[in-house]
Amino acid sequence: MTNLWQNHKASLLALGALAIALMSAVVVVPETQQAVVVRTGDPVRVINRFRPDTPYGQTGAGMVLRIPFFERVQRIDKRVMDLDMDRQQVLSSDQQRLQVDAYARYRIIDPVRMVRTSGTTDNLVNQLNPIFTSVLRQELGRRPFAAMLTAERGTAMQNIRATLDRQARQYGAQIIDVRIKRADLPDGRPLEAAFTRMETDREEEAATIRAQGRKNAQIIRAEAEAEAARTYATAFGKDPQFYDFYRAMESYRRTFEQGQGDSSFVLSPDNEYMRQFRGQR
């Protein structure tokens, strides 16, 4: 064994160095990651780049080669990641101070640009966080607090996502979704004052609706009575004698219905009121 080492020392050292070089040249990139090969500080190529329509097994993941000592491989997650925003105080358009918790979901779609602008994913998160906060403040600041309780909240989220996505593209990222976890009023007097103001606003709105309803009811009733009067006038105008008879019968009914028990009405036989009982003359 000693003779073998002495006789083939140079060959064995060369084989060892070659094995180490081959091991250093081989890089394994899984399906969940994309890798940027950086040569002397400049990104030169991407391994297993994200492509939305490429099925697994055909993306380029697996074993790849690099030049040892001259090229380094920076791995970047290929999956959807979360961008959590710290709890922020936002002033709504109706001057309500809201405590907002929100998050965004993003993916790296241009790893070369991400490496050049941010370097690492952690740096990217630090760059996107203040942009996310600013966009959310601007969008929610244009809306009242009540909008967060209606379907308008979805529109606000879409606007925030679109604006944040335009900014994130400059860093090689794509914003997939934005969601607000909580949007609360601060505890204490501000909360009580806000509820009181909201209650007063709702009461004023209800009073306005009731007043408008009464106005509309009066208009409808007046129009209906006018239409009824026109209908009666048209119908009775065709037979004045029937109209006279009908009015007399209505008068008798209302008069006699007012009698209580054994009440009596004493009238002269030739009283004009009893004309319909005597027959027409």
C-alpha atoms as a PDB file:
ATOM      1  CA  MET A   1       0.000   0.000   0.000  1.00  0.00           C
ATOM      2  CA  THR A   2       2.903   2.289   0.838  1.00  0.00           C
ATOM      3  CA  ASN A   3       4.564   1.469  -2.448  1.00  0.00           C
ATOM      4  CA  LEU A   4       1.326   2.199  -4.302  1.00  0.00           C
ATOM      5  CA  TRP A   5       1.102   5.620  -2.680  1.00  0.00           C
ATOM      6  CA  GLN A   6       4.753   6.358  -3.386  1.00  0.00           C
ATOM      7  CA  ASN A   7       4.559   5.206  -6.995  1.00  0.00           C
ATOM      8  CA  HIS A   8       1.230   6.843  -7.888  1.00  0.00           C
ATOM      9  CA  LYS A   9       1.110   9.775  -5.497  1.00  0.00           C
ATOM     10  CA  ALA A  10       0.712  12.403  -8.206  1.00  0.00           C
ATOM     11  CA  SER A  11      -1.984  10.415 -10.023  1.00  0.00           C
ATOM     12  CA  LEU A  12      -3.973   9.850  -6.850  1.00  0.00           C
ATOM     13  CA  LEU A  13      -3.799  13.525  -5.930  1.00  0.00           C
ATOM     14  CA  ALA A  14      -4.943  14.455  -9.440  1.00  0.00           C
ATOM     15  CA  LEU A  15      -7.853  12.017  -9.241  1.00  0.00           C
ATOM     16  CA  GLY A  16      -8.835  13.421  -5.856  1.00  0.00           C
ATOM     17  CA  ALA A  17      -8.725  16.981  -7.129  1.00  0.00           C
ATOM     18  CA  LEU A  18     -10.752  15.965 -10.171  1.00  0.00           C
ATOM     19  CA  ALA A  19     -13.377  14.292  -7.958  1.00  0.00           C
ATOM     20  CA  ILE A  20     -13.639  17.372  -5.766  1.00  0.00           C
ATOM     21  CA  ALA A  21     -13.948  19.585  -8.856  1.00  0.00           C
ATOM     22  CA  LEU A  22     -16.706  17.376 -10.287  1.00  0.00           C
ATOM     23  CA  MET A  23     -18.577  17.391  -6.998  1.00  0.00           C
ATOM     24  CA  SER A  24     -18.274  21.185  -6.859  1.00  0.00           C
ATOM     25  CA  ALA A  25     -19.448  21.506 -10.460  1.00  0.00           C
ATOM     26  CA  VAL A  26     -22.634  19.496  -9.959  1.00  0.00           C
ATOM     27  CA  VAL A  27     -25.617  21.366  -8.528  1.00  0.00           C
ATOM     28  CA  VAL A  28     -29.008  19.812  -7.773  1.00  0.00           C
ATOM     29  CA  VAL A  29     -31.975  22.168  -8.232  1.00  0.00           C
ATOM     30  CA  PRO A  30     -35.351  20.823  -6.967  1.00  0.00           C
ATOM     31  CA  GLU A  31     -38.707  21.586  -8.570  1.00  0.00           C
ATOM     32  CA  THR A  32     -39.592  24.023  -5.803  1.00  0.00           C
ATOM     33  CA  GLN A  33     -36.618  26.277  -6.509  1.00  0.00           C
ATOM     34  CA  GLN A  34     -35.145  28.251  -9.360  1.00  0.00           C
ATOM     35  CA  ALA A  35     -31.436  28.985  -9.403  1.00  0.00           C
ATOM     36  CA  VAL A  36     -29.500  31.957 -10.762  1.00  0.00           C
ATOM     37  CA  VAL A  37     -25.933  31.255 -11.806  1.00  0.00           C
ATOM     38  CA  VAL A  38     -23.779  34.267 -10.904  1.00  0.00           C
ATOM     39  CA  ARG A  39     -20.372  34.638 -12.549  1.00  0.00           C
ATOM     40  CA  THR A  40     -18.066  37.287 -11.073  1.00  0.00           C
ATOM     41  CA  GLY A  41     -21.038  39.119  -9.592  1.00  0.00           C
ATOM     42  CA  ASP A  42     -23.160  39.143 -12.773  1.00  0.00           C
ATOM     43  CA  PRO A  43     -26.174  36.806 -13.271  1.00  0.00           C
ATOM     44  CA  VAL A  44     -25.574  34.826 -16.473  1.00  0.00           C
ATOM     45  CA  ARG A  45     -28.323  32.192 -16.621  1.00  0.00           C
ATOM     46  CA  VAL A  46     -31.329  30.745 -14.774  1.00  0.00           C
ATOM     47  CA  ILE A  47     -31.968  27.107 -13.973  1.00  0.00           C
ATOM     48  CA  ASN A  48     -35.554  25.868 -13.576  1.00  0.00           C
ATOM     49  CA  ARG A  49     -37.058  29.309 -14.302  1.00  0.00           C
ATOM     50  CA  PHE A  50     -40.715  29.767 -13.331  1.00  0.00           C
ATOM     51  CA  ARG A  51     -43.049  29.294 -16.303  1.00  0.00           C
ATOM     52  CA  PRO A  52     -46.761  29.142 -15.463  1.00  0.00           C
ATOM     53  CA  ASP A  53     -47.745  26.722 -18.245  1.00  0.00           C
ATOM     54  CA  THR A  54     -44.845  24.258 -17.939  1.00  0.00           C
ATOM     55  CA  PRO A  55     -45.744  20.961 -16.214  1.00  0.00           C
ATOM     56  CA  TYR A  56     -43.542  19.369 -13.559  1.00  0.00           C
ATOM     57  CA  GLY A  57     -40.760  17.244 -15.008  1.00  0.00           C
ATOM     58  CA  GLN A  58     -40.201  19.576 -17.950  1.00  0.00           C
ATOM     59  CA  THR A  59     -39.049  22.717 -16.155  1.00  0.00           C
ATOM     60  CA  GLY A  60     -35.307  21.993 -16.153  1.00  0.00           C
ATOM     61  CA  ALA A  61     -34.975  20.986 -12.519  1.00  0.00           C
ATOM     62  CA  GLY A  62     -32.421  18.349 -11.541  1.00  0.00           C
ATOM     63  CA  MET A  63     -28.640  18.059 -11.815  1.00  0.00           C
ATOM     64  CA  VAL A  64     -26.825  20.854 -13.659  1.00  0.00           C
ATOM     65  CA  LEU A  65     -23.202  21.859 -14.045  1.00  0.00           C
ATOM     66  CA  ARG A  66     -21.392  25.055 -13.146  1.00  0.00           C
ATOM     67  CA  ILE A  67     -17.803  26.227 -13.331  1.00  0.00           C
ATOM     68  CA  PRO A  68     -16.295  25.665  -9.882  1.00  0.00           C
ATOM     69  CA  PHE A  69     -14.825  28.688  -8.104  1.00  0.00           C
ATOM     70  CA  PHE A  70     -15.931  31.028 -10.922  1.00  0.00           C
ATOM     71  CA  GLU A  71     -19.692  30.549 -10.738  1.00  0.00           C
ATOM     72  CA  ARG A  72     -21.905  30.468  -7.695  1.00  0.00           C
ATOM     73  CA  VAL A  73     -25.547  29.399  -7.593  1.00  0.00           C
ATOM     74  CA  GLN A  74     -28.149  31.479  -5.776  1.00  0.00           C
ATOM     75  CA  ARG A  75     -31.316  29.555  -5.022  1.00  0.00           C
ATOM     76  CA  ILE A  76     -34.703  31.345  -5.080  1.00  0.00           C
ATOM     77  CA  ASP A  77     -37.989  29.843  -3.976  1.00  0.00           C
ATOM     78  CA  LYS A  78     -40.286  29.138  -6.901  1.00  0.00           C
ATOM     79  CA  ARG A  79     -43.450  28.836  -4.817  1.00  0.00           C
ATOM     80  CA  VAL A  80     -45.969  31.458  -3.707  1.00  0.00           C
ATOM     81  CA  MET A  81     -44.727  33.347  -0.640  1.00  0.00           C
ATOM     82  CA  ASP A  82     -46.312  35.660   1.925  1.00  0.00           C
ATOM     83  CA  LEU A  83     -45.562  39.341   2.460  1.00  0.00           C
ATOM     84  CA  ASP A  84     -46.868  40.238   5.928  1.00  0.00           C
ATOM     85  CA  MET A  85     -47.368  43.910   6.696  1.00  0.00           C
ATOM     86  CA  ASP A  86     -46.888  45.155  10.245  1.00  0.00           C
ATOM     87  CA  ARG A  87     -50.012  46.482  11.939  1.00  0.00           C
ATOM     88  CA  GLN A  88     -50.525  50.015  10.649  1.00  0.00           C
ATOM     89  CA  GLN A  89     -52.735  52.960  11.626  1.00  0.00           C
ATOM     90  CA  VAL A  90     -54.628  54.298   8.590  1.00  0.00           C
ATOM     91  CA  LEU A  91     -56.788  57.447   8.440  1.00  0.00           C
ATOM     92  CA  SER A  92     -59.986  56.877   6.427  1.00  0.00           C
ATOM     93  CA  SER A  93     -61.759  59.562   4.401  1.00  0.00           C
ATOM     94  CA  ASP A  94     -64.264  60.126   7.237  1.00  0.00           C
ATOM     95  CA  GLN A  95     -61.367  60.791   9.634  1.00  0.00           C
ATOM     96  CA  GLN A  96     -61.516  57.425  11.375  1.00  0.00           C
ATOM     97  CA  ARG A  97     -58.195  56.021  12.597  1.00  0.00           C
ATOM     98  CA  LEU A  98     -58.110  52.334  11.661  1.00  0.00           C
ATOM     99  CA  GLN A  99     -55.751  49.647  12.896  1.00  0.00           C
ATOM    100  CA  VAL A 100     -55.130  47.528   9.790  1.00  0.00           C
ATOM    101  CA  ASP A 101     -53.486  44.103   9.473  1.00  0.00           C
ATOM    102  CA  ALA A 102     -52.887  43.002   5.875  1.00  0.00           C
ATOM    103  CA  TYR A 103     -50.793  40.593   3.845  1.00  0.00           C
ATOM    104  CA  ALA A 104     -49.920  39.954   0.211  1.00  0.00           C
ATOM    105  CA  ARG A 105     -48.979  36.791  -1.659  1.00  0.00           C
ATOM    106  CA  TYR A 106     -46.243  37.018  -4.262  1.00  0.00           C
ATOM    107  CA  ARG A 107     -43.974  34.938  -6.488  1.00  0.00           C
ATOM    108  CA  ILE A 108     -40.573  35.587  -8.103  1.00  0.00           C
ATOM    109  CA  ILE A 109     -41.110  35.544 -11.873  1.00  0.00           C
ATOM    110  CA  ASP A 110     -37.857  37.256 -12.946  1.00  0.00           C
ATOM    111  CA  PRO A 111     -35.069  35.898 -10.742  1.00  0.00           C
ATOM    112  CA  VAL A 112     -32.299  37.720 -12.645  1.00  0.00           C
ATOM    113  CA  ARG A 113     -33.935  41.092 -12.025  1.00  0.00           C
ATOM    114  CA  MET A 114     -34.567  40.141  -8.409  1.00  0.00           C
ATOM    115  CA  VAL A 115     -30.875  39.304  -7.903  1.00  0.00           C
ATOM    116  CA  ARG A 116     -29.742  42.535  -9.556  1.00  0.00           C
ATOM    117  CA  THR A 117     -32.142  44.836  -7.677  1.00  0.00           C
ATOM    118  CA  SER A 118     -32.470  43.105  -4.300  1.00  0.00           C
ATOM    119  CA  GLY A 119     -29.804  40.442  -4.048  1.00  0.00           C
ATOM    120  CA  THR A 120     -31.773  38.146  -1.743  1.00  0.00           C
ATOM    121  CA  THR A 121     -35.376  37.367  -0.936  1.00  0.00           C
ATOM    122  CA  ASP A 122     -35.027  38.967   2.498  1.00  0.00           C
ATOM    123  CA  ASN A 123     -33.900  42.220   0.903  1.00  0.00           C
ATOM    124  CA  LEU A 124     -36.827  42.015  -1.515  1.00  0.00           C
ATOM    125  CA  VAL A 125     -39.276  41.726   1.392  1.00  0.00           C
ATOM    126  CA  ASN A 126     -37.664  44.752   3.068  1.00  0.00           C
ATOM    127  CA  GLN A 127     -38.060  46.741  -0.154  1.00  0.00           C
ATOM    128  CA  LEU A 128     -41.679  45.726  -0.792  1.00  0.00           C
ATOM    129  CA  ASN A 129     -42.936  46.277   2.767  1.00  0.00           C
ATOM    130  CA  PRO A 130     -42.841  50.119   2.729  1.00  0.00           C
ATOM    131  CA  ILE A 131     -44.349  50.139  -0.781  1.00  0.00           C
ATOM    132  CA  PHE A 132     -47.159  47.875   0.415  1.00  0.00           C
ATOM    133  CA  THR A 133     -47.811  50.135   3.411  1.00  0.00           C
ATOM    134  CA  SER A 134     -47.862  53.300   1.287  1.00  0.00           C
ATOM    135  CA  VAL A 135     -50.232  51.838  -1.334  1.00  0.00           C
ATOM    136  CA  LEU A 136     -52.609  50.548   1.342  1.00  0.00           C
ATOM    137  CA  ARG A 137     -52.657  53.909   3.159  1.00  0.00           C
ATOM    138  CA  GLN A 138     -53.436  55.789  -0.064  1.00  0.00           C
ATOM    139  CA  GLU A 139     -56.232  53.449  -1.148  1.00  0.00           C
ATOM    140  CA  LEU A 140     -57.968  53.152   2.228  1.00  0.00           C
ATOM    141  CA  GLY A 141     -57.511  56.879   2.849  1.00  0.00           C
ATOM    142  CA  ARG A 142     -59.847  57.560  -0.076  1.00  0.00           C
ATOM    143  CA  ARG A 143     -62.660  55.489   1.433  1.00  0.00           C
ATOM    144  CA  PRO A 144     -64.847  55.757   4.565  1.00  0.00           C
ATOM    145  CA  PHE A 145     -64.642  53.199   7.335  1.00  0.00           C
ATOM    146  CA  ALA A 146     -68.072  51.795   6.396  1.00  0.00           C
ATOM    147  CA  ALA A 147     -66.663  50.762   3.000  1.00  0.00           C
ATOM    148  CA  MET A 148     -64.616  48.093   4.792  1.00  0.00           C
ATOM    149  CA  LEU A 149     -67.882  46.391   5.762  1.00  0.00           C
ATOM    150  CA  THR A 150     -69.382  46.282   2.262  1.00  0.00           C
ATOM    151  CA  ALA A 151     -68.566  44.843  -1.166  1.00  0.00           C
ATOM    152  CA  GLU A 152     -66.492  47.968  -1.813  1.00  0.00           C
ATOM    153  CA  ARG A 153     -63.769  46.307   0.247  1.00  0.00           C
ATOM    154  CA  GLY A 154     -63.155  43.867  -2.614  1.00  0.00           C
ATOM    155  CA  THR A 155     -62.685  46.747  -5.053  1.00  0.00           C
ATOM    156  CA  ALA A 156     -60.170  48.359  -2.705  1.00  0.00           C
ATOM    157  CA  MET A 157     -58.207  45.093  -2.501  1.00  0.00           C
ATOM    158  CA  GLN A 158     -58.101  44.809  -6.293  1.00  0.00           C
ATOM    159  CA  ASN A 159     -56.793  48.369  -6.609  1.00  0.00           C
ATOM    160  CA  ILE A 160     -54.126  47.748  -3.966  1.00  0.00           C
ATOM    161  CA  ARG A 161     -53.037  44.520  -5.661  1.00  0.00           C
ATOM    162  CA  ALA A 162     -52.807  46.158  -9.108  1.00  0.00           C
ATOM    163  CA  THR A 163     -50.790  49.135  -7.824  1.00  0.00           C
ATOM    164  CA  LEU A 164     -48.473  47.008  -5.698  1.00  0.00           C
ATOM    165  CA  ASP A 165     -47.966  44.565  -8.585  1.00  0.00           C
ATOM    166  CA  ARG A 166     -46.773  47.366 -10.882  1.00  0.00           C
ATOM    167  CA  GLN A 167     -44.181  48.333  -8.274  1.00  0.00           C
ATOM    168  CA  ALA A 168     -43.137  44.735  -7.531  1.00  0.00           C
ATOM    169  CA  ARG A 169     -42.480  43.974 -11.207  1.00  0.00           C
ATOM    170  CA  GLN A 170     -39.504  46.339 -11.016  1.00  0.00           C
ATOM    171  CA  TYR A 171     -37.969  43.890  -8.516  1.00  0.00           C
ATOM    172  CA  GLY A 172     -38.827  40.738 -10.490  1.00  0.00           C
ATOM    173  CA  ALA A 173     -41.841  39.793  -8.350  1.00  0.00           C
ATOM    174  CA  GLN A 174     -45.524  39.314  -9.128  1.00  0.00           C
ATOM    175  CA  ILE A 175     -48.247  40.159  -6.596  1.00  0.00           C
ATOM    176  CA  ILE A 176     -50.899  37.457  -6.763  1.00  0.00           C
ATOM    177  CA  ASP A 177     -53.308  38.555  -4.055  1.00  0.00           C
ATOM    178  CA  VAL A 178     -53.791  41.105  -1.268  1.00  0.00           C
ATOM    179  CA  ARG A 179     -56.001  40.594   1.768  1.00  0.00           C
ATOM    180  CA  ILE A 180     -56.898  42.580   4.895  1.00  0.00           C
ATOM    181  CA  LYS A 181     -56.971  40.369   7.970  1.00  0.00           C
ATOM    182  CA  ARG A 182     -58.386  43.008  10.324  1.00  0.00           C
ATOM    183  CA  ALA A 183     -59.465  46.636  10.107  1.00  0.00           C
ATOM    184  CA  ASP A 184     -60.449  47.806  13.594  1.00  0.00           C
ATOM    185  CA  LEU A 185     -61.042  51.104  15.285  1.00  0.00           C
ATOM    186  CA  PRO A 186     -58.680  51.821  18.206  1.00  0.00           C
ATOM    187  CA  ASP A 187     -59.927  50.969  21.695  1.00  0.00           C
ATOM    188  CA  GLY A 188     -61.198  53.586  24.126  1.00  0.00           C
ATOM    189  CA  ARG A 189     -62.857  56.912  23.439  1.00  0.00           C
ATOM    190  CA  PRO A 190     -62.083  57.000  19.704  1.00  0.00           C
ATOM    191  CA  LEU A 191     -63.998  53.744  19.303  1.00  0.00           C
ATOM    192  CA  GLU A 192     -66.980  54.986  21.316  1.00  0.00           C
ATOM    193  CA  ALA A 193     -67.021  58.304  19.427  1.00  0.00           C
ATOM    194  CA  ALA A 194     -66.922  56.474  16.122  1.00  0.00           C
ATOM    195  CA  PHE A 195     -69.844  54.236  17.090  1.00  0.00           C
ATOM    196  CA  THR A 196     -71.822  57.266  18.279  1.00  0.00           C
ATOM    197  CA  ARG A 197     -71.154  59.090  15.015  1.00  0.00           C
ATOM    198  CA  MET A 198     -72.108  56.027  12.976  1.00  0.00           C
ATOM    199  CA  GLU A 199     -75.315  55.609  15.013  1.00  0.00           C
ATOM    200  CA  THR A 200     -76.223  59.281  14.499  1.00  0.00           C
ATOM    201  CA  ASP A 201     -75.553  59.038  10.769  1.00  0.00           C
ATOM    202  CA  ARG A 202     -77.745  55.960  10.472  1.00  0.00           C
ATOM    203  CA  GLU A 203     -80.563  57.620  12.438  1.00  0.00           C
ATOM    204  CA  GLU A 204     -80.407  60.692  10.178  1.00  0.00           C
ATOM    205  CA  GLU A 205     -80.420  58.478   7.121  1.00  0.00           C
ATOM    206  CA  ALA A 206     -83.422  56.530   8.457  1.00  0.00           C
ATOM    207  CA  ALA A 207     -85.307  59.773   9.217  1.00  0.00           C
ATOM    208  CA  THR A 208     -84.636  61.010   5.679  1.00  0.00           C
ATOM    209  CA  ILE A 209     -85.897  57.741   4.205  1.00  0.00           C
ATOM    210  CA  ARG A 210     -89.061  57.839   6.341  1.00  0.00           C
ATOM    211  CA  ALA A 211     -89.752  61.472   5.385  1.00  0.00           C
ATOM    212  CA  GLN A 212     -89.286  60.663   1.718  1.00  0.00           C
ATOM    213  CA  GLY A 213     -91.589  57.662   2.135  1.00  0.00           C
ATOM    214  CA  ARG A 214     -94.320  59.800   3.717  1.00  0.00           C
ATOM    215  CA  LYS A 215     -93.964  62.361   0.927  1.00  0.00           C
ATOM    216  CA  ASN A 216     -94.231  59.685  -1.743  1.00  0.00           C
ATOM    217  CA  ALA A 217     -97.246  58.150   0.042  1.00  0.00           C
ATOM    218  CA  GLN A 218     -99.052  61.503   0.105  1.00  0.00           C
ATOM    219  CA  ILE A 219     -98.363  62.041  -3.582  1.00  0.00           C
ATOM    220  CA  ILE A 220     -99.590  58.559  -4.471  1.00  0.00           C
ATOM    221  CA  ARG A 221    -102.695  58.938  -2.280  1.00  0.00           C
ATOM    222  CA  ALA A 222    -103.542  62.339  -3.796  1.00  0.00           C
ATOM    223  CA  GLU A 223    -103.090  61.021  -7.320  1.00  0.00           C
ATOM    224  CA  ALA A 224    -105.247  57.981  -6.507  1.00  0.00           C
ATOM    225  CA  GLU A 225    -108.012  60.129  -4.994  1.00  0.00           C
ATOM    226  CA  ALA A 226    -107.929  62.446  -8.005  1.00  0.00           C
ATOM    227  CA  GLU A 227    -108.160  59.476 -10.348  1.00  0.00           C
ATOM    228  CA  ALA A 228    -111.038  58.038  -8.306  1.00  0.00           C
ATOM    229  CA  ALA A 229    -112.841  61.388  -8.403  1.00  0.00           C
ATOM    230  CA  ARG A 230    -112.434  61.517 -12.193  1.00  0.00           C
ATOM    231  CA  THR A 231    -113.728  57.976 -12.493  1.00  0.00           C
ATOM    232  CA  TYR A 232    -116.757  58.719 -10.281  1.00  0.00           C
ATOM    233  CA  ALA A 233    -117.471  61.939 -12.145  1.00  0.00           C
ATOM    234  CA  THR A 234    -117.335  60.155 -15.484  1.00  0.00           C
ATOM    235  CA  ALA A 235    -119.526  57.281 -14.289  1.00  0.00           C
ATOM    236  CA  PHE A 236    -122.148  59.375 -12.458  1.00  0.00           C
ATOM    237  CA  GLY A 237    -122.229  61.979 -15.197  1.00  0.00           C
ATOM    238  CA  LYS A 238    -123.744  59.387 -17.471  1.00  0.00           C
ATOM    239  CA  ASP A 239    -126.773  58.933 -15.123  1.00  0.00           C
ATOM    240  CA  PRO A 240    -127.371  61.886 -12.741  1.00  0.00           C
ATOM    241  CA  GLN A 241    -130.488  60.271 -11.224  1.00  0.00           C
ATOM    242  CA  PHE A 242    -128.563  57.157 -10.267  1.00  0.00           C
ATOM    243  CA  TYR A 243    -125.839  59.323  -8.789  1.00  0.00           C
ATOM    244  CA  ASP A 244    -128.445  61.185  -6.686  1.00  0.00           C
ATOM    245  CA  PHE A 245    -129.910  57.872  -5.529  1.00  0.00           C
ATOM    246  CA  TYR A 246    -126.461  56.454  -4.701  1.00  0.00           C
ATOM    247  CA  ARG A 247    -125.475  59.495  -2.629  1.00  0.00           C
ATOM    248  CA  ALA A 248    -128.759  59.370  -0.730  1.00  0.00           C
ATOM    249  CA  MET A 249    -128.293  55.665   0.080  1.00  0.00           C
ATOM    250  CA  GLU A 250    -124.761  56.356   1.327  1.00  0.00           C
ATOM    251  CA  SER A 251    -126.084  59.135   3.551  1.00  0.00           C
ATOM    252  CA  TYR A 252    -128.845  56.894   4.988  1.00  0.00           C
ATOM    253  CA  ARG A 253    -126.347  54.113   5.695  1.00  0.00           C
ATOM    254  CA  ARG A 254    -123.919  56.338   7.543  1.00  0.00           C
ATOM    255  CA  THR A 255    -126.681  58.104   9.468  1.00  0.00           C
ATOM    256  CA  PHE A 256    -128.501  54.963  10.604  1.00  0.00           C
ATOM    257  CA  GLU A 257    -125.271  53.140  11.456  1.00  0.00           C
ATOM    258  CA  GLN A 258    -124.531  55.837  14.044  1.00  0.00           C
ATOM    259  CA  GLY A 259    -127.644  54.954  16.006  1.00  0.00           C
ATOM    260  CA  GLN A 260    -127.042  53.188  19.295  1.00  0.00           C
ATOM    261  CA  GLY A 261    -129.542  50.624  20.597  1.00  0.00           C
ATOM    262  CA  ASP A 262    -133.155  51.974  20.432  1.00  0.00           C
ATOM    263  CA  SER A 263    -132.303  55.409  19.070  1.00  0.00           C
ATOM    264  CA  SER A 264    -135.079  56.971  16.974  1.00  0.00           C
ATOM    265  CA  PHE A 265    -135.170  59.626  14.269  1.00  0.00           C
ATOM    266  CA  VAL A 266    -138.257  61.825  14.099  1.00  0.00           C
ATOM    267  CA  LEU A 267    -138.707  63.491  10.715  1.00  0.00           C
ATOM    268  CA  SER A 268    -141.596  65.154   8.965  1.00  0.00           C
ATOM    269  CA  PRO A 269    -143.201  63.023   6.163  1.00  0.00           C
ATOM    270  CA  ASP A 270    -142.465  65.707   3.619  1.00  0.00           C
ATOM    271  CA  ASN A 271    -138.841  66.093   4.718  1.00  0.00           C
ATOM    272  CA  GLU A 272    -136.553  66.358   1.720  1.00  0.00           C
ATOM    273  CA  TYR A 273    -134.082  64.002   3.314  1.00  0.00           C
ATOM    274  CA  MET A 274    -136.592  61.120   3.069  1.00  0.00           C
ATOM    275  CA  ARG A 275    -137.382  61.819  -0.557  1.00  0.00           C
ATOM    276  CA  GLN A 276    -135.912  58.519  -1.786  1.00  0.00           C
ATOM    277  CA  PHE A 277    -138.339  56.575   0.459  1.00  0.00           C
ATOM    278  CA  ARG A 278    -141.327  58.423  -0.979  1.00  0.00           C
ATOM    279  CA  GLY A 279    -140.299  57.771  -4.562  1.00  0.00           C
ATOM    280  CA  GLN A 280    -139.275  60.310  -7.192  1.00  0.00           C
ATOM    281  CA  ARG A 281    -141.749  63.117  -7.964  1.00  0.00           C
END
